[in-house]
C-alpha atoms as a PDB file:
ATOM      1  CA  UNK A   1      12.081 -16.102  -1.120  1.00  0.00           C
ATOM      2  CA  UNK A   2      11.892 -14.515   2.113  1.00  0.00           C
ATOM      3  CA  UNK A   3       8.864 -12.608   2.262  1.00  0.00           C
ATOM      4  CA  UNK A   4       9.621 -10.134   4.923  1.00  0.00           C
ATOM      5  CA  UNK A   5      13.273  -9.501   3.723  1.00  0.00           C
ATOM      6  CA  UNK A   6      12.505  -9.495   0.249  1.00  0.00           C
ATOM      7  CA  UNK A   7       8.871  -7.845  -0.232  1.00  0.00           C
ATOM      8  CA  UNK A   8       7.816  -6.206   3.165  1.00  0.00           C
ATOM      9  CA  UNK A   9       8.789  -2.328   2.914  1.00  0.00           C
ATOM     10  CA  UNK A  10      10.191  -2.430  -0.404  1.00  0.00           C
ATOM     11  CA  UNK A  11       9.318   0.204  -2.815  1.00  0.00           C
ATOM     12  CA  UNK A  12       6.728  -0.484  -5.430  1.00  0.00           C
ATOM     13  CA  UNK A  13       7.073   0.763  -8.996  1.00  0.00           C
ATOM     14  CA  UNK A  14       4.330   0.720 -11.890  1.00  0.00           C
ATOM     15  CA  UNK A  15       4.895  -0.535 -15.214  1.00  0.00           C
ATOM     16  CA  UNK A  16       6.137   3.171 -16.214  1.00  0.00           C
ATOM     17  CA  UNK A  17       9.139   2.922 -13.311  1.00  0.00           C
ATOM     18  CA  UNK A  18       6.987   5.635 -11.048  1.00  0.00           C
ATOM     19  CA  UNK A  19       6.940   4.935  -7.523  1.00  0.00           C
ATOM     20  CA  UNK A  20       3.682   4.175  -5.958  1.00  0.00           C
ATOM     21  CA  UNK A  21       4.717   3.584  -2.534  1.00  0.00           C
ATOM     22  CA  UNK A  22       5.971   0.897  -0.139  1.00  0.00           C
ATOM     23  CA  UNK A  23       4.686  -2.770   0.584  1.00  0.00           C
ATOM     24  CA  UNK A  24       2.845  -2.381   4.059  1.00  0.00           C
ATOM     25  CA  UNK A  25       1.547  -5.906   4.123  1.00  0.00           C
ATOM     26  CA  UNK A  26       1.185  -9.384   3.057  1.00  0.00           C
ATOM     27  CA  UNK A  27      -2.000 -11.285   2.685  1.00  0.00           C
ATOM     28  CA  UNK A  28      -1.456 -15.054   2.430  1.00  0.00           C
ATOM     29  CA  UNK A  29      -4.156 -17.550   1.277  1.00  0.00           C
ATOM     30  CA  UNK A  30      -4.547 -20.505   3.423  1.00  0.00           C
ATOM     31  CA  UNK A  31      -5.748 -23.855   2.397  1.00  0.00           C
ATOM     32  CA  UNK A  32      -5.875 -27.159   3.948  1.00  0.00           C
ATOM     33  CA  UNK A  33      -4.210 -29.227   1.415  1.00  0.00           C
ATOM     34  CA  UNK A  34      -1.736 -26.740  -0.031  1.00  0.00           C
ATOM     35  CA  UNK A  35       1.291 -24.684   1.382  1.00  0.00           C
ATOM     36  CA  UNK A  36       0.247 -20.895   1.989  1.00  0.00           C
ATOM     37  CA  UNK A  37       0.519 -18.483  -1.149  1.00  0.00           C
ATOM     38  CA  UNK A  38       0.611 -14.983  -1.312  1.00  0.00           C
ATOM     39  CA  UNK A  39      -2.513 -13.490  -2.519  1.00  0.00           C
ATOM     40  CA  UNK A  40      -2.101  -9.613  -2.189  1.00  0.00           C
ATOM     41  CA  UNK A  41       0.527  -7.202  -1.149  1.00  0.00           C
ATOM     42  CA  UNK A  42      -1.018  -4.284   0.864  1.00  0.00           C
ATOM     43  CA  UNK A  43      -0.125  -0.561   0.704  1.00  0.00           C
ATOM     44  CA  UNK A  44      -1.182   2.580   2.608  1.00  0.00           C
ATOM     45  CA  UNK A  45      -1.500   4.073   5.756  1.00  0.00           C
ATOM     46  CA  UNK A  46      -4.156   2.085   7.226  1.00  0.00           C
ATOM     47  CA  UNK A  47      -2.039  -1.305   6.749  1.00  0.00           C
ATOM     48  CA  UNK A  48       0.992   0.441   8.265  1.00  0.00           C
ATOM     49  CA  UNK A  49      -0.774   1.833  11.238  1.00  0.00           C
ATOM     50  CA  UNK A  50      -2.118  -1.843  11.853  1.00  0.00           C
ATOM     51  CA  UNK A  51       1.281  -3.032  12.068  1.00  0.00           C
ATOM     52  CA  UNK A  52       2.307  -0.367  14.584  1.00  0.00           C
ATOM     53  CA  UNK A  53      -0.575  -0.936  17.004  1.00  0.00           C
ATOM     54  CA  UNK A  54      -4.433  -1.171  17.378  1.00  0.00           C
ATOM     55  CA  UNK A  55      -4.436   2.657  18.857  1.00  0.00           C
ATOM     56  CA  UNK A  56      -2.598   3.799  15.681  1.00  0.00           C
ATOM     57  CA  UNK A  57      -4.850   1.804  13.644  1.00  0.00           C
ATOM     58  CA  UNK A  58      -8.029   2.877  14.992  1.00  0.00           C
ATOM     59  CA  UNK A  59      -6.827   6.709  14.831  1.00  0.00           C
ATOM     60  CA  UNK A  60      -5.953   6.368  11.186  1.00  0.00           C
ATOM     61  CA  UNK A  61      -9.228   4.435  10.391  1.00  0.00           C
ATOM     62  CA  UNK A  62     -11.046   7.351  11.746  1.00  0.00           C
ATOM     63  CA  UNK A  63      -9.299   9.916   9.794  1.00  0.00           C
ATOM     64  CA  UNK A  64      -9.684   8.009   6.797  1.00  0.00           C
ATOM     65  CA  UNK A  65     -13.355   7.401   7.363  1.00  0.00           C
ATOM     66  CA  UNK A  66     -14.173  10.974   8.315  1.00  0.00           C
ATOM     67  CA  UNK A  67     -11.967  13.020   6.138  1.00  0.00           C
ATOM     68  CA  UNK A  68     -11.451  10.864   3.179  1.00  0.00           C
ATOM     69  CA  UNK A  69     -13.709   8.692   0.606  1.00  0.00           C
ATOM     70  CA  UNK A  70     -14.672   5.236   0.979  1.00  0.00           C
ATOM     71  CA  UNK A  71     -11.581   4.317  -1.071  1.00  0.00           C
ATOM     72  CA  UNK A  72      -9.168   5.405   1.554  1.00  0.00           C
ATOM     73  CA  UNK A  73     -11.108   3.902   4.263  1.00  0.00           C
ATOM     74  CA  UNK A  74      -9.675   0.663   3.311  1.00  0.00           C
ATOM     75  CA  UNK A  75      -6.141  -1.190   2.806  1.00  0.00           C
ATOM     76  CA  UNK A  76      -5.116  -1.125  -0.963  1.00  0.00           C
ATOM     77  CA  UNK A  77      -4.285  -4.423  -2.298  1.00  0.00           C
ATOM     78  CA  UNK A  78      -2.369  -5.352  -5.478  1.00  0.00           C
ATOM     79  CA  UNK A  79      -2.881  -9.064  -6.479  1.00  0.00           C
ATOM     80  CA  UNK A  80       0.450 -10.999  -6.248  1.00  0.00           C
ATOM     81  CA  UNK A  81      -0.253 -11.800  -9.912  1.00  0.00           C
ATOM     82  CA  UNK A  82       0.396  -8.431 -10.794  1.00  0.00           C
ATOM     83  CA  UNK A  83       4.096  -8.580  -9.357  1.00  0.00           C
ATOM     84  CA  UNK A  84       6.397  -8.702 -12.410  1.00  0.00           C
ATOM     85  CA  UNK A  85       9.731  -8.629 -10.580  1.00  0.00           C
ATOM     86  CA  UNK A  86      11.028  -8.897  -7.153  1.00  0.00           C
ATOM     87  CA  UNK A  87      14.458  -7.120  -6.875  1.00  0.00           C
ATOM     88  CA  UNK A  88      15.703  -3.759  -5.363  1.00  0.00           C
ATOM     89  CA  UNK A  89      12.126  -2.521  -6.151  1.00  0.00           C
ATOM     90  CA  UNK A  90       8.741  -4.322  -6.649  1.00  0.00           C
ATOM     91  CA  UNK A  91       7.723  -4.001 -10.098  1.00  0.00           C
ATOM     92  CA  UNK A  92       4.175  -4.578 -10.654  1.00  0.00           C
ATOM     93  CA  UNK A  93       1.978  -4.398 -13.846  1.00  0.00           C
ATOM     94  CA  UNK A  94      -0.323  -1.556 -12.939  1.00  0.00           C
ATOM     95  CA  UNK A  95      -0.778   2.338 -13.762  1.00  0.00           C
ATOM     96  CA  UNK A  96       0.051   4.446 -10.717  1.00  0.00           C
ATOM     97  CA  UNK A  97      -2.721   6.969 -12.045  1.00  0.00           C
ATOM     98  CA  UNK A  98      -5.457   4.321 -11.585  1.00  0.00           C
ATOM     99  CA  UNK A  99      -4.622   3.440  -7.929  1.00  0.00           C
ATOM    100  CA  UNK A 100      -6.595   5.233  -5.022  1.00  0.00           C
ATOM    101  CA  UNK A 101      -3.071   5.766  -3.525  1.00  0.00           C
ATOM    102  CA  UNK A 102      -2.345   8.528  -6.291  1.00  0.00           C
ATOM    103  CA  UNK A 103      -5.544  10.128  -5.325  1.00  0.00           C
ATOM    104  CA  UNK A 104      -4.665  10.026  -1.818  1.00  0.00           C
ATOM    105  CA  UNK A 105      -1.212  11.678  -2.625  1.00  0.00           C
ATOM    106  CA  UNK A 106      -2.839  14.376  -4.543  1.00  0.00           C
ATOM    107  CA  UNK A 107      -5.242  15.367  -1.737  1.00  0.00           C
ATOM    108  CA  UNK A 108      -2.233  15.623   0.731  1.00  0.00           C
ATOM    109  CA  UNK A 109      -0.294  17.430  -1.650  1.00  0.00           C
ATOM    110  CA  UNK A 110      -3.212  20.027  -2.255  1.00  0.00           C
ATOM    111  CA  UNK A 111      -4.668  20.261   1.591  1.00  0.00           C
ATOM    112  CA  UNK A 112      -1.169  19.702   3.790  1.00  0.00           C
ATOM    113  CA  UNK A 113       2.086  19.922   1.808  1.00  0.00           C
ATOM    114  CA  UNK A 114       1.142  22.910  -0.282  1.00  0.00           C
ATOM    115  CA  UNK A 115       0.187  24.716   2.880  1.00  0.00           C
ATOM    116  CA  UNK A 116       3.714  24.089   4.742  1.00  0.00           C
ATOM    117  CA  UNK A 117       5.750  27.243   4.177  1.00  0.00           C
ATOM    118  CA  UNK A 118       8.471  26.385   1.889  1.00  0.00           C
ATOM    119  CA  UNK A 119       6.844  22.955   1.151  1.00  0.00           C
END
């Protein structure tokens, strides 16, 4: 499997096939005696902004810590063990309603999207 091609930026769906977000980062576990293993997939604006550069990451971190909650000021990680299938979408064995990403999306809907005319 090619992690960058097959996993990074792919849509993640929960066990009910609802979209959660996209894979923004991959965390590997390194060991002296074994080859690297995938430990987590990361999702959320913090991880995505870190990929763009240090300045966007610091800006997003400032927004998350001043306007968000503690759960939004760190990257959301899903253990690789929760991944059930890697295909067109990444299927995971979690419920989207139990993730901090769902709460973040609700906040964005209430405070940003609903205030846009025609949004």
